[in-house]
Amino acid sequence: MVRVHVKHGDGEFLYDSETTSPIDEIAEDITEIANLQSKIQYLAVEFEPHLSKLQGYPKVMPLVRALSEATSYASKDQVRHSKPLSLYVLRDHKRIIEKEFLVTYSVMGLSSSDLQQFLSVC
């Protein structure tokens, strides 16, 4: 097992790989993890103003929870705890955010064009 410490811009994460994994496969995984990490952080920043206005609405709580869990998992703080990021877990977090957003976007006061913009980012 090999652990790679990846730093990109302000972000960083740990990645575990088998010693027999091809370099191309490792590079693809690292690139996708970095992209997912950036998307999750971007979505959290974009949604925060809308969600802060709707704190008391029970319909938005699943989205708030999904964003919180995803940003916590994708945080560079995971490096301090020696926890590598998993491509599959990040994909799952992104999928859950998408699902919860589709359920709550109208409650958030967003239009269908906002929905299309969100889906293009994801």
PDB file of N, CA and C in Angstrom:
ATOM      1  N   MET A   1       0.853  -1.182   0.000  1.00  0.00           N
ATOM      2  CA  MET A   1       0.000   0.000   0.000  1.00  0.00           C
ATOM      3  C   MET A   1       0.896   1.242   0.000  1.00  0.00           C
ATOM      4  N   VAL A   2       0.513   2.191  -0.826  1.00  0.00           N
ATOM      5  CA  VAL A   2       1.236   3.457  -0.931  1.00  0.00           C
ATOM      6  C   VAL A   2       0.265   4.573  -0.589  1.00  0.00           C
ATOM      7  N   ARG A   3       0.703   5.519   0.224  1.00  0.00           N
ATOM      8  CA  ARG A   3      -0.116   6.686   0.556  1.00  0.00           C
ATOM      9  C   ARG A   3       0.514   7.909  -0.108  1.00  0.00           C
ATOM     10  N   VAL A   4      -0.301   8.611  -0.887  1.00  0.00           N
ATOM     11  CA  VAL A   4       0.153   9.804  -1.598  1.00  0.00           C
ATOM     12  C   VAL A   4      -0.492  11.018  -0.943  1.00  0.00           C
ATOM     13  N   HIS A   5       0.329  12.025  -0.632  1.00  0.00           N
ATOM     14  CA  HIS A   5      -0.167  13.290  -0.083  1.00  0.00           C
ATOM     15  C   HIS A   5      -0.246  14.267  -1.254  1.00  0.00           C
ATOM     16  N   VAL A   6      -1.465  14.621  -1.625  1.00  0.00           N
ATOM     17  CA  VAL A   6      -1.699  15.477  -2.791  1.00  0.00           C
ATOM     18  C   VAL A   6      -2.022  16.885  -2.316  1.00  0.00           C
ATOM     19  N   LYS A   7      -1.313  17.861  -2.883  1.00  0.00           N
ATOM     20  CA  LYS A   7      -1.600  19.268  -2.599  1.00  0.00           C
ATOM     21  C   LYS A   7      -1.914  19.947  -3.930  1.00  0.00           C
ATOM     22  N   HIS A   8      -3.026  20.684  -3.945  1.00  0.00           N
ATOM     23  CA  HIS A   8      -3.418  21.414  -5.155  1.00  0.00           C
ATOM     24  C   HIS A   8      -4.080  22.709  -4.723  1.00  0.00           C
ATOM     25  N   GLY A   9      -3.519  23.834  -5.138  1.00  0.00           N
ATOM     26  CA  GLY A   9      -4.069  25.126  -4.719  1.00  0.00           C
ATOM     27  C   GLY A   9      -4.119  25.206  -3.210  1.00  0.00           C
ATOM     28  N   ASP A  10      -5.297  25.524  -2.676  1.00  0.00           N
ATOM     29  CA  ASP A  10      -5.479  25.574  -1.227  1.00  0.00           C
ATOM     30  C   ASP A  10      -5.863  24.218  -0.656  1.00  0.00           C
ATOM     31  N   GLY A  11      -6.163  23.272  -1.512  1.00  0.00           N
ATOM     32  CA  GLY A  11      -6.633  21.972  -1.056  1.00  0.00           C
ATOM     33  C   GLY A  11      -5.517  20.959  -0.928  1.00  0.00           C
ATOM     34  N   GLU A  12      -5.818  19.927  -0.170  1.00  0.00           N
ATOM     35  CA  GLU A  12      -4.910  18.796  -0.051  1.00  0.00           C
ATOM     36  C   GLU A  12      -5.697  17.599   0.458  1.00  0.00           C
ATOM     37  N   PHE A  13      -5.172  16.419   0.174  1.00  0.00           N
ATOM     38  CA  PHE A  13      -5.801  15.197   0.648  1.00  0.00           C
ATOM     39  C   PHE A  13      -4.805  14.051   0.566  1.00  0.00           C
ATOM     40  N   LEU A  14      -5.150  12.969   1.221  1.00  0.00           N
ATOM     41  CA  LEU A  14      -4.360  11.748   1.164  1.00  0.00           C
ATOM     42  C   LEU A  14      -5.070  10.755   0.261  1.00  0.00           C
ATOM     43  N   TYR A  15      -4.271   9.978  -0.458  1.00  0.00           N
ATOM     44  CA  TYR A  15      -4.815   8.969  -1.366  1.00  0.00           C
ATOM     45  C   TYR A  15      -4.032   7.684  -1.161  1.00  0.00           C
ATOM     46  N   ASP A  16      -4.747   6.592  -0.943  1.00  0.00           N
ATOM     47  CA  ASP A  16      -4.122   5.280  -0.800  1.00  0.00           C
ATOM     48  C   ASP A  16      -4.257   4.505  -2.094  1.00  0.00           C
ATOM     49  N   SER A  17      -3.186   3.800  -2.438  1.00  0.00           N
ATOM     50  CA  SER A  17      -3.184   3.013  -3.665  1.00  0.00           C
ATOM     51  C   SER A  17      -2.372   1.743  -3.453  1.00  0.00           C
ATOM     52  N   GLU A  18      -2.730   0.730  -4.197  1.00  0.00           N
ATOM     53  CA  GLU A  18      -1.939  -0.499  -4.202  1.00  0.00           C
ATOM     54  C   GLU A  18      -0.622  -0.225  -4.923  1.00  0.00           C
ATOM     55  N   THR A  19       0.418  -0.923  -4.531  1.00  0.00           N
ATOM     56  CA  THR A  19       1.719  -0.723  -5.178  1.00  0.00           C
ATOM     57  C   THR A  19       1.712  -1.200  -6.625  1.00  0.00           C
ATOM     58  N   THR A  20       0.755  -2.045  -6.966  1.00  0.00           N
ATOM     59  CA  THR A  20       0.686  -2.574  -8.332  1.00  0.00           C
ATOM     60  C   THR A  20      -0.215  -1.748  -9.250  1.00  0.00           C
ATOM     61  N   SER A  21      -0.827  -0.698  -8.736  1.00  0.00           N
ATOM     62  CA  SER A  21      -1.731   0.125  -9.555  1.00  0.00           C
ATOM     63  C   SER A  21      -0.948   0.895 -10.609  1.00  0.00           C
ATOM     64  N   PRO A  22      -1.460   0.926 -11.834  1.00  0.00           N
ATOM     65  CA  PRO A  22      -0.792   1.698 -12.888  1.00  0.00           C
ATOM     66  C   PRO A  22      -0.846   3.204 -12.585  1.00  0.00           C
ATOM     67  N   ILE A  23       0.188   3.895 -12.985  1.00  0.00           N
ATOM     68  CA  ILE A  23       0.290   5.343 -12.754  1.00  0.00           C
ATOM     69  C   ILE A  23      -0.894   6.079 -13.378  1.00  0.00           C
ATOM     70  N   ASP A  24      -1.320   5.671 -14.568  1.00  0.00           N
ATOM     71  CA  ASP A  24      -2.450   6.331 -15.234  1.00  0.00           C
ATOM     72  C   ASP A  24      -3.714   6.240 -14.392  1.00  0.00           C
ATOM     73  N   GLU A  25      -3.948   5.080 -13.794  1.00  0.00           N
ATOM     74  CA  GLU A  25      -5.131   4.885 -12.948  1.00  0.00           C
ATOM     75  C   GLU A  25      -5.057   5.763 -11.696  1.00  0.00           C
ATOM     76  N   ILE A  26      -3.880   5.829 -11.107  1.00  0.00           N
ATOM     77  CA  ILE A  26      -3.684   6.669  -9.918  1.00  0.00           C
ATOM     78  C   ILE A  26      -3.916   8.134 -10.276  1.00  0.00           C
ATOM     79  N   ALA A  27      -3.366   8.570 -11.406  1.00  0.00           N
ATOM     80  CA  ALA A  27      -3.525   9.966 -11.837  1.00  0.00           C
ATOM     81  C   ALA A  27      -4.992  10.301 -12.088  1.00  0.00           C
ATOM     82  N   GLU A  28      -5.731   9.389 -12.715  1.00  0.00           N
ATOM     83  CA  GLU A  28      -7.165   9.615 -12.952  1.00  0.00           C
ATOM     84  C   GLU A  28      -7.925   9.737 -11.639  1.00  0.00           C
ATOM     85  N   ASP A  29      -7.644   8.824 -10.714  1.00  0.00           N
ATOM     86  CA  ASP A  29      -8.323   8.856  -9.413  1.00  0.00           C
ATOM     87  C   ASP A  29      -8.016  10.143  -8.660  1.00  0.00           C
ATOM     88  N   ILE A  30      -6.754  10.532  -8.641  1.00  0.00           N
ATOM     89  CA  ILE A  30      -6.349  11.747  -7.926  1.00  0.00           C
ATOM     90  C   ILE A  30      -7.013  12.973  -8.546  1.00  0.00           C
ATOM     91  N   THR A  31      -7.056  13.027  -9.864  1.00  0.00           N
ATOM     92  CA  THR A  31      -7.700  14.152 -10.550  1.00  0.00           C
ATOM     93  C   THR A  31      -9.181  14.211 -10.226  1.00  0.00           C
ATOM     94  N   GLU A  32      -9.847  13.063 -10.254  1.00  0.00           N
ATOM     95  CA  GLU A  32     -11.285  13.045  -9.961  1.00  0.00           C
ATOM     96  C   GLU A  32     -11.558  13.398  -8.499  1.00  0.00           C
ATOM     97  N   ILE A  33     -10.720  12.916  -7.593  1.00  0.00           N
ATOM     98  CA  ILE A  33     -10.888  13.261  -6.176  1.00  0.00           C
ATOM     99  C   ILE A  33     -10.724  14.762  -5.983  1.00  0.00           C
ATOM    100  N   ALA A  34      -9.694  15.343  -6.600  1.00  0.00           N
ATOM    101  CA  ALA A  34      -9.470  16.791  -6.478  1.00  0.00           C
ATOM    102  C   ALA A  34     -10.654  17.572  -7.039  1.00  0.00           C
ATOM    103  N   ASN A  35     -11.187  17.125  -8.174  1.00  0.00           N
ATOM    104  CA  ASN A  35     -12.344  17.803  -8.770  1.00  0.00           C
ATOM    105  C   ASN A  35     -13.579  17.688  -7.880  1.00  0.00           C
ATOM    106  N   LEU A  36     -13.832  16.506  -7.345  1.00  0.00           N
ATOM    107  CA  LEU A  36     -14.988  16.322  -6.460  1.00  0.00           C
ATOM    108  C   LEU A  36     -14.837  17.138  -5.179  1.00  0.00           C
ATOM    109  N   GLN A  37     -13.637  17.161  -4.636  1.00  0.00           N
ATOM    110  CA  GLN A  37     -13.376  17.947  -3.428  1.00  0.00           C
ATOM    111  C   GLN A  37     -13.669  19.426  -3.705  1.00  0.00           C
ATOM    112  N   SER A  38     -13.218  19.929  -4.836  1.00  0.00           N
ATOM    113  CA  SER A  38     -13.465  21.329  -5.202  1.00  0.00           C
ATOM    114  C   SER A  38     -14.947  21.598  -5.429  1.00  0.00           C
ATOM    115  N   LYS A  39     -15.649  20.683  -6.098  1.00  0.00           N
ATOM    116  CA  LYS A  39     -17.078  20.867  -6.359  1.00  0.00           C
ATOM    117  C   LYS A  39     -17.877  20.901  -5.065  1.00  0.00           C
ATOM    118  N   ILE A  40     -17.561  20.009  -4.155  1.00  0.00           N
ATOM    119  CA  ILE A  40     -18.283  19.970  -2.880  1.00  0.00           C
ATOM    120  C   ILE A  40     -18.067  21.269  -2.114  1.00  0.00           C
ATOM    121  N   GLN A  41     -16.836  21.753  -2.086  1.00  0.00           N
ATOM    122  CA  GLN A  41     -16.559  23.009  -1.392  1.00  0.00           C
ATOM    123  C   GLN A  41     -17.250  24.179  -2.087  1.00  0.00           C
ATOM    124  N   TYR A  42     -17.276  24.174  -3.406  1.00  0.00           N
ATOM    125  CA  TYR A  42     -17.953  25.220  -4.168  1.00  0.00           C
ATOM    126  C   TYR A  42     -19.451  25.226  -3.866  1.00  0.00           C
ATOM    127  N   LEU A  43     -20.063  24.051  -3.880  1.00  0.00           N
ATOM    128  CA  LEU A  43     -21.496  23.954  -3.613  1.00  0.00           C
ATOM    129  C   LEU A  43     -21.836  24.434  -2.208  1.00  0.00           C
ATOM    130  N   ALA A  44     -21.007  24.105  -1.246  1.00  0.00           N
ATOM    131  CA  ALA A  44     -21.249  24.545   0.127  1.00  0.00           C
ATOM    132  C   ALA A  44     -21.219  26.071   0.212  1.00  0.00           C
ATOM    133  N   VAL A  45     -20.270  26.688  -0.465  1.00  0.00           N
ATOM    134  CA  VAL A  45     -20.161  28.153  -0.458  1.00  0.00           C
ATOM    135  C   VAL A  45     -21.349  28.785  -1.184  1.00  0.00           C
ATOM    136  N   GLU A  46     -21.761  28.197  -2.307  1.00  0.00           N
ATOM    137  CA  GLU A  46     -22.877  28.736  -3.083  1.00  0.00           C
ATOM    138  C   GLU A  46     -24.211  28.624  -2.346  1.00  0.00           C
ATOM    139  N   PHE A  47     -24.432  27.517  -1.656  1.00  0.00           N
ATOM    140  CA  PHE A  47     -25.716  27.282  -0.997  1.00  0.00           C
ATOM    141  C   PHE A  47     -25.828  27.957   0.358  1.00  0.00           C
ATOM    142  N   GLU A  48     -24.729  28.258   0.978  1.00  0.00           N
ATOM    143  CA  GLU A  48     -24.742  28.783   2.352  1.00  0.00           C
ATOM    144  C   GLU A  48     -25.634  30.008   2.525  1.00  0.00           C
ATOM    145  N   PRO A  49     -25.583  31.023   1.646  1.00  0.00           N
ATOM    146  CA  PRO A  49     -26.471  32.185   1.835  1.00  0.00           C
ATOM    147  C   PRO A  49     -27.957  31.825   1.744  1.00  0.00           C
ATOM    148  N   HIS A  50     -28.299  30.926   0.833  1.00  0.00           N
ATOM    149  CA  HIS A  50     -29.701  30.519   0.676  1.00  0.00           C
ATOM    150  C   HIS A  50     -30.168  29.707   1.883  1.00  0.00           C
ATOM    151  N   LEU A  51     -29.321  28.815   2.341  1.00  0.00           N
ATOM    152  CA  LEU A  51     -29.711  27.926   3.438  1.00  0.00           C
ATOM    153  C   LEU A  51     -29.757  28.648   4.780  1.00  0.00           C
ATOM    154  N   SER A  52     -28.909  29.660   4.950  1.00  0.00           N
ATOM    155  CA  SER A  52     -28.916  30.379   6.230  1.00  0.00           C
ATOM    156  C   SER A  52     -30.237  31.121   6.441  1.00  0.00           C
ATOM    157  N   LYS A  53     -30.895  31.523   5.349  1.00  0.00           N
ATOM    158  CA  LYS A  53     -32.193  32.195   5.448  1.00  0.00           C
ATOM    159  C   LYS A  53     -33.313  31.224   5.824  1.00  0.00           C
ATOM    160  N   LEU A  54     -33.086  29.937   5.599  1.00  0.00           N
ATOM    161  CA  LEU A  54     -34.141  28.933   5.772  1.00  0.00           C
ATOM    162  C   LEU A  54     -33.855  27.967   6.918  1.00  0.00           C
ATOM    163  N   GLN A  55     -33.175  28.439   7.942  1.00  0.00           N
ATOM    164  CA  GLN A  55     -32.749  27.551   9.023  1.00  0.00           C
ATOM    165  C   GLN A  55     -33.884  26.802   9.698  1.00  0.00           C
ATOM    166  N   GLY A  56     -35.050  27.381   9.810  1.00  0.00           N
ATOM    167  CA  GLY A  56     -36.140  26.727  10.512  1.00  0.00           C
ATOM    168  C   GLY A  56     -36.963  25.759   9.678  1.00  0.00           C
ATOM    169  N   TYR A  57     -36.707  25.705   8.377  1.00  0.00           N
ATOM    170  CA  TYR A  57     -37.509  24.861   7.489  1.00  0.00           C
ATOM    171  C   TYR A  57     -37.023  23.410   7.542  1.00  0.00           C
ATOM    172  N   PRO A  58     -37.898  22.497   7.944  1.00  0.00           N
ATOM    173  CA  PRO A  58     -37.482  21.089   8.016  1.00  0.00           C
ATOM    174  C   PRO A  58     -37.144  20.488   6.650  1.00  0.00           C
ATOM    175  N   LYS A  59     -37.725  21.037   5.574  1.00  0.00           N
ATOM    176  CA  LYS A  59     -37.465  20.475   4.244  1.00  0.00           C
ATOM    177  C   LYS A  59     -36.030  20.689   3.777  1.00  0.00           C
ATOM    178  N   VAL A  60     -35.357  21.712   4.290  1.00  0.00           N
ATOM    179  CA  VAL A  60     -33.983  21.957   3.853  1.00  0.00           C
ATOM    180  C   VAL A  60     -32.951  21.265   4.740  1.00  0.00           C
ATOM    181  N   MET A  61     -33.381  20.721   5.860  1.00  0.00           N
ATOM    182  CA  MET A  61     -32.427  20.090   6.781  1.00  0.00           C
ATOM    183  C   MET A  61     -31.658  18.920   6.154  1.00  0.00           C
ATOM    184  N   PRO A  62     -32.285  18.063   5.338  1.00  0.00           N
ATOM    185  CA  PRO A  62     -31.488  17.002   4.708  1.00  0.00           C
ATOM    186  C   PRO A  62     -30.375  17.549   3.808  1.00  0.00           C
ATOM    187  N   LEU A  63     -30.644  18.662   3.104  1.00  0.00           N
ATOM    188  CA  LEU A  63     -29.610  19.269   2.267  1.00  0.00           C
ATOM    189  C   LEU A  63     -28.512  19.873   3.131  1.00  0.00           C
ATOM    190  N   VAL A  64     -28.894  20.546   4.207  1.00  0.00           N
ATOM    191  CA  VAL A  64     -27.903  21.116   5.128  1.00  0.00           C
ATOM    192  C   VAL A  64     -27.018  20.001   5.680  1.00  0.00           C
ATOM    193  N   ARG A  65     -27.639  18.914   6.098  1.00  0.00           N
ATOM    194  CA  ARG A  65     -26.900  17.779   6.658  1.00  0.00           C
ATOM    195  C   ARG A  65     -25.971  17.164   5.603  1.00  0.00           C
ATOM    196  N   ALA A  66     -26.481  16.991   4.389  1.00  0.00           N
ATOM    197  CA  ALA A  66     -25.676  16.403   3.315  1.00  0.00           C
ATOM    198  C   ALA A  66     -24.463  17.275   2.996  1.00  0.00           C
ATOM    199  N   LEU A  67     -24.676  18.588   2.928  1.00  0.00           N
ATOM    200  CA  LEU A  67     -23.560  19.506   2.667  1.00  0.00           C
ATOM    201  C   LEU A  67     -22.551  19.490   3.803  1.00  0.00           C
ATOM    202  N   SER A  68     -23.044  19.471   5.029  1.00  0.00           N
ATOM    203  CA  SER A  68     -22.160  19.453   6.190  1.00  0.00           C
ATOM    204  C   SER A  68     -21.302  18.191   6.213  1.00  0.00           C
ATOM    205  N   GLU A  69     -21.934  17.049   5.993  1.00  0.00           N
ATOM    206  CA  GLU A  69     -21.192  15.787   5.995  1.00  0.00           C
ATOM    207  C   GLU A  69     -20.183  15.735   4.847  1.00  0.00           C
ATOM    208  N   ALA A  70     -20.587  16.208   3.676  1.00  0.00           N
ATOM    209  CA  ALA A  70     -19.701  16.180   2.515  1.00  0.00           C
ATOM    210  C   ALA A  70     -18.508  17.111   2.700  1.00  0.00           C
ATOM    211  N   THR A  71     -18.755  18.330   3.186  1.00  0.00           N
ATOM    212  CA  THR A  71     -17.639  19.264   3.375  1.00  0.00           C
ATOM    213  C   THR A  71     -16.706  18.785   4.479  1.00  0.00           C
ATOM    214  N   SER A  72     -17.256  18.171   5.494  1.00  0.00           N
ATOM    215  CA  SER A  72     -16.420  17.622   6.557  1.00  0.00           C
ATOM    216  C   SER A  72     -15.538  16.502   6.008  1.00  0.00           C
ATOM    217  N   TYR A  73     -16.126  15.621   5.209  1.00  0.00           N
ATOM    218  CA  TYR A  73     -15.361  14.510   4.639  1.00  0.00           C
ATOM    219  C   TYR A  73     -14.310  15.016   3.651  1.00  0.00           C
ATOM    220  N   ALA A  74     -14.663  16.002   2.818  1.00  0.00           N
ATOM    221  CA  ALA A  74     -13.762  16.498   1.776  1.00  0.00           C
ATOM    222  C   ALA A  74     -12.756  17.517   2.296  1.00  0.00           C
ATOM    223  N   SER A  75     -12.827  17.837   3.562  1.00  0.00           N
ATOM    224  CA  SER A  75     -11.965  18.855   4.150  1.00  0.00           C
ATOM    225  C   SER A  75     -10.501  18.424   4.159  1.00  0.00           C
ATOM    226  N   LYS A  76      -9.631  19.418   4.018  1.00  0.00           N
ATOM    227  CA  LYS A  76      -8.210  19.101   4.106  1.00  0.00           C
ATOM    228  C   LYS A  76      -7.803  18.751   5.539  1.00  0.00           C
ATOM    229  N   ASP A  77      -8.722  18.932   6.488  1.00  0.00           N
ATOM    230  CA  ASP A  77      -8.456  18.509   7.867  1.00  0.00           C
ATOM    231  C   ASP A  77      -8.279  17.001   7.967  1.00  0.00           C
ATOM    232  N   GLN A  78      -8.775  16.269   6.995  1.00  0.00           N
ATOM    233  CA  GLN A  78      -8.611  14.812   6.993  1.00  0.00           C
ATOM    234  C   GLN A  78      -7.131  14.432   6.953  1.00  0.00           C
ATOM    235  N   VAL A  79      -6.305  15.298   6.364  1.00  0.00           N
ATOM    236  CA  VAL A  79      -4.865  15.041   6.308  1.00  0.00           C
ATOM    237  C   VAL A  79      -4.286  15.018   7.717  1.00  0.00           C
ATOM    238  N   ARG A  80      -4.726  15.948   8.561  1.00  0.00           N
ATOM    239  CA  ARG A  80      -4.237  15.992   9.950  1.00  0.00           C
ATOM    240  C   ARG A  80      -4.557  14.716  10.714  1.00  0.00           C
ATOM    241  N   HIS A  81      -5.669  14.086  10.333  1.00  0.00           N
ATOM    242  CA  HIS A  81      -6.093  12.858  11.011  1.00  0.00           C
ATOM    243  C   HIS A  81      -5.616  11.606  10.270  1.00  0.00           C
ATOM    244  N   SER A  82      -4.782  11.798   9.260  1.00  0.00           N
ATOM    245  CA  SER A  82      -4.233  10.695   8.450  1.00  0.00           C
ATOM    246  C   SER A  82      -5.317   9.830   7.821  1.00  0.00           C
ATOM    247  N   LYS A  83      -6.386  10.472   7.351  1.00  0.00           N
ATOM    248  CA  LYS A  83      -7.493   9.747   6.718  1.00  0.00           C
ATOM    249  C   LYS A  83      -7.491  10.035   5.214  1.00  0.00           C
ATOM    250  N   PRO A  84      -7.270   9.015   4.414  1.00  0.00           N
ATOM    251  CA  PRO A  84      -7.308   9.222   2.963  1.00  0.00           C
ATOM    252  C   PRO A  84      -8.743   9.388   2.467  1.00  0.00           C
ATOM    253  N   LEU A  85      -8.895  10.104   1.364  1.00  0.00           N
ATOM    254  CA  LEU A  85     -10.213  10.272   0.756  1.00  0.00           C
ATOM    255  C   LEU A  85     -10.478   9.118  -0.206  1.00  0.00           C
ATOM    256  N   SER A  86     -11.723   8.722  -0.263  1.00  0.00           N
ATOM    257  CA  SER A  86     -12.147   7.661  -1.170  1.00  0.00           C
ATOM    258  C   SER A  86     -12.955   8.276  -2.305  1.00  0.00           C
ATOM    259  N   LEU A  87     -12.604   7.908  -3.504  1.00  0.00           N
ATOM    260  CA  LEU A  87     -13.322   8.381  -4.677  1.00  0.00           C
ATOM    261  C   LEU A  87     -14.794   7.992  -4.601  1.00  0.00           C
ATOM    262  N   TYR A  88     -15.061   6.786  -4.138  1.00  0.00           N
ATOM    263  CA  TYR A  88     -16.439   6.289  -4.077  1.00  0.00           C
ATOM    264  C   TYR A  88     -17.269   7.031  -3.031  1.00  0.00           C
ATOM    265  N   VAL A  89     -16.669   7.351  -1.915  1.00  0.00           N
ATOM    266  CA  VAL A  89     -17.388   8.087  -0.868  1.00  0.00           C
ATOM    267  C   VAL A  89     -17.676   9.509  -1.341  1.00  0.00           C
ATOM    268  N   LEU A  90     -16.712  10.150  -1.993  1.00  0.00           N
ATOM    269  CA  LEU A  90     -16.936  11.499  -2.521  1.00  0.00           C
ATOM    270  C   LEU A  90     -18.043  11.503  -3.576  1.00  0.00           C
ATOM    271  N   ARG A  91     -18.036  10.505  -4.451  1.00  0.00           N
ATOM    272  CA  ARG A  91     -19.107  10.407  -5.453  1.00  0.00           C
ATOM    273  C   ARG A  91     -20.467  10.263  -4.776  1.00  0.00           C
ATOM    274  N   ASP A  92     -20.504   9.457  -3.734  1.00  0.00           N
ATOM    275  CA  ASP A  92     -21.755   9.249  -3.016  1.00  0.00           C
ATOM    276  C   ASP A  92     -22.227  10.546  -2.353  1.00  0.00           C
ATOM    277  N   HIS A  93     -21.308  11.278  -1.738  1.00  0.00           N
ATOM    278  CA  HIS A  93     -21.670  12.562  -1.125  1.00  0.00           C
ATOM    279  C   HIS A  93     -22.223  13.518  -2.181  1.00  0.00           C
ATOM    280  N   LYS A  94     -21.579  13.583  -3.333  1.00  0.00           N
ATOM    281  CA  LYS A  94     -22.046  14.471  -4.404  1.00  0.00           C
ATOM    282  C   LYS A  94     -23.436  14.053  -4.881  1.00  0.00           C
ATOM    283  N   ARG A  95     -23.658  12.762  -5.020  1.00  0.00           N
ATOM    284  CA  ARG A  95     -24.959  12.248  -5.453  1.00  0.00           C
ATOM    285  C   ARG A  95     -26.049  12.605  -4.445  1.00  0.00           C
ATOM    286  N   ILE A  96     -25.744  12.494  -3.163  1.00  0.00           N
ATOM    287  CA  ILE A  96     -26.718  12.828  -2.118  1.00  0.00           C
ATOM    288  C   ILE A  96     -27.039  14.319  -2.143  1.00  0.00           C
ATOM    289  N   ILE A  97     -26.025  15.163  -2.325  1.00  0.00           N
ATOM    290  CA  ILE A  97     -26.256  16.610  -2.414  1.00  0.00           C
ATOM    291  C   ILE A  97     -27.167  16.916  -3.603  1.00  0.00           C
ATOM    292  N   GLU A  98     -26.883  16.305  -4.750  1.00  0.00           N
ATOM    293  CA  GLU A  98     -27.722  16.520  -5.935  1.00  0.00           C
ATOM    294  C   GLU A  98     -29.167  16.124  -5.653  1.00  0.00           C
ATOM    295  N   LYS A  99     -29.348  14.966  -5.045  1.00  0.00           N
ATOM    296  CA  LYS A  99     -30.699  14.465  -4.754  1.00  0.00           C
ATOM    297  C   LYS A  99     -31.434  15.412  -3.813  1.00  0.00           C
ATOM    298  N   GLU A 100     -30.774  15.831  -2.740  1.00  0.00           N
ATOM    299  CA  GLU A 100     -31.416  16.720  -1.772  1.00  0.00           C
ATOM    300  C   GLU A 100     -31.687  18.091  -2.377  1.00  0.00           C
ATOM    301  N   PHE A 101     -30.799  18.555  -3.247  1.00  0.00           N
ATOM    302  CA  PHE A 101     -31.029  19.844  -3.897  1.00  0.00           C
ATOM    303  C   PHE A 101     -32.260  19.780  -4.797  1.00  0.00           C
ATOM    304  N   LEU A 102     -32.408  18.694  -5.536  1.00  0.00           N
ATOM    305  CA  LEU A 102     -33.574  18.545  -6.412  1.00  0.00           C
ATOM    306  C   LEU A 102     -34.872  18.560  -5.620  1.00  0.00           C
ATOM    307  N   VAL A 103     -34.836  18.057  -4.391  1.00  0.00           N
ATOM    308  CA  VAL A 103     -36.024  18.036  -3.542  1.00  0.00           C
ATOM    309  C   VAL A 103     -36.326  19.423  -2.978  1.00  0.00           C
ATOM    310  N   THR A 104     -35.290  20.209  -2.679  1.00  0.00           N
ATOM    311  CA  THR A 104     -35.494  21.446  -1.919  1.00  0.00           C
ATOM    312  C   THR A 104     -35.261  22.742  -2.687  1.00  0.00           C
ATOM    313  N   TYR A 105     -34.896  22.693  -3.963  1.00  0.00           N
ATOM    314  CA  TYR A 105     -34.524  23.948  -4.634  1.00  0.00           C
ATOM    315  C   TYR A 105     -35.670  24.956  -4.688  1.00  0.00           C
ATOM    316  N   SER A 106     -36.916  24.496  -4.811  1.00  0.00           N
ATOM    317  CA  SER A 106     -38.038  25.446  -4.865  1.00  0.00           C
ATOM    318  C   SER A 106     -38.269  26.106  -3.505  1.00  0.00           C
ATOM    319  N   VAL A 107     -38.044  25.375  -2.416  1.00  0.00           N
ATOM    320  CA  VAL A 107     -38.179  25.942  -1.066  1.00  0.00           C
ATOM    321  C   VAL A 107     -37.116  27.014  -0.839  1.00  0.00           C
ATOM    322  N   MET A 108     -35.955  26.835  -1.481  1.00  0.00           N
ATOM    323  CA  MET A 108     -34.854  27.777  -1.318  1.00  0.00           C
ATOM    324  C   MET A 108     -35.088  29.065  -2.103  1.00  0.00           C
ATOM    325  N   GLY A 109     -36.165  29.133  -2.873  1.00  0.00           N
ATOM    326  CA  GLY A 109     -36.449  30.331  -3.648  1.00  0.00           C
ATOM    327  C   GLY A 109     -35.651  30.407  -4.935  1.00  0.00           C
ATOM    328  N   LEU A 110     -35.198  29.273  -5.419  1.00  0.00           N
ATOM    329  CA  LEU A 110     -34.417  29.240  -6.645  1.00  0.00           C
ATOM    330  C   LEU A 110     -35.316  28.861  -7.818  1.00  0.00           C
ATOM    331  N   SER A 111     -34.943  29.336  -8.991  1.00  0.00           N
ATOM    332  CA  SER A 111     -35.739  29.071 -10.191  1.00  0.00           C
ATOM    333  C   SER A 111     -35.235  27.819 -10.906  1.00  0.00           C
ATOM    334  N   SER A 112     -35.946  27.439 -11.951  1.00  0.00           N
ATOM    335  CA  SER A 112     -35.516  26.276 -12.732  1.00  0.00           C
ATOM    336  C   SER A 112     -34.205  26.564 -13.468  1.00  0.00           C
ATOM    337  N   SER A 113     -33.934  27.838 -13.784  1.00  0.00           N
ATOM    338  CA  SER A 113     -32.642  28.164 -14.406  1.00  0.00           C
ATOM    339  C   SER A 113     -31.506  27.979 -13.399  1.00  0.00           C
ATOM    340  N   ASP A 114     -31.783  28.275 -12.111  1.00  0.00           N
ATOM    341  CA  ASP A 114     -30.792  28.000 -11.069  1.00  0.00           C
ATOM    342  C   ASP A 114     -30.540  26.500 -10.963  1.00  0.00           C
ATOM    343  N   LEU A 115     -31.606  25.726 -11.107  1.00  0.00           N
ATOM    344  CA  LEU A 115     -31.480  24.269 -11.079  1.00  0.00           C
ATOM    345  C   LEU A 115     -30.591  23.803 -12.227  1.00  0.00           C
ATOM    346  N   GLN A 116     -30.813  24.341 -13.421  1.00  0.00           N
ATOM    347  CA  GLN A 116     -29.992  23.961 -14.574  1.00  0.00           C
ATOM    348  C   GLN A 116     -28.533  24.349 -14.360  1.00  0.00           C
ATOM    349  N   GLN A 117     -28.303  25.524 -13.778  1.00  0.00           N
ATOM    350  CA  GLN A 117     -26.935  25.963 -13.501  1.00  0.00           C
ATOM    351  C   GLN A 117     -26.274  25.018 -12.509  1.00  0.00           C
ATOM    352  N   PHE A 118     -27.006  24.637 -11.472  1.00  0.00           N
ATOM    353  CA  PHE A 118     -26.481  23.712 -10.481  1.00  0.00           C
ATOM    354  C   PHE A 118     -26.118  22.380 -11.128  1.00  0.00           C
ATOM    355  N   LEU A 119     -27.013  21.861 -11.945  1.00  0.00           N
ATOM    356  CA  LEU A 119     -26.767  20.567 -12.575  1.00  0.00           C
ATOM    357  C   LEU A 119     -25.580  20.626 -13.532  1.00  0.00           C
ATOM    358  N   SER A 120     -25.341  21.780 -14.150  1.00  0.00           N
ATOM    359  CA  SER A 120     -24.185  21.900 -15.040  1.00  0.00           C
ATOM    360  C   SER A 120     -22.877  21.934 -14.256  1.00  0.00           C
ATOM    361  N   VAL A 121     -22.909  22.468 -13.036  1.00  0.00           N
ATOM    362  CA  VAL A 121     -21.717  22.499 -12.184  1.00  0.00           C
ATOM    363  C   VAL A 121     -21.379  21.096 -11.707  1.00  0.00           C
ATOM    364  N   CYS A 122     -22.416  20.344 -11.363  1.00  0.00           N
ATOM    365  CA  CYS A 122     -22.198  18.986 -10.859  1.00  0.00           C
ATOM    366  C   CYS A 122     -21.823  18.072 -11.987  1.00  0.00           C
TER     367      CYS A 122
END
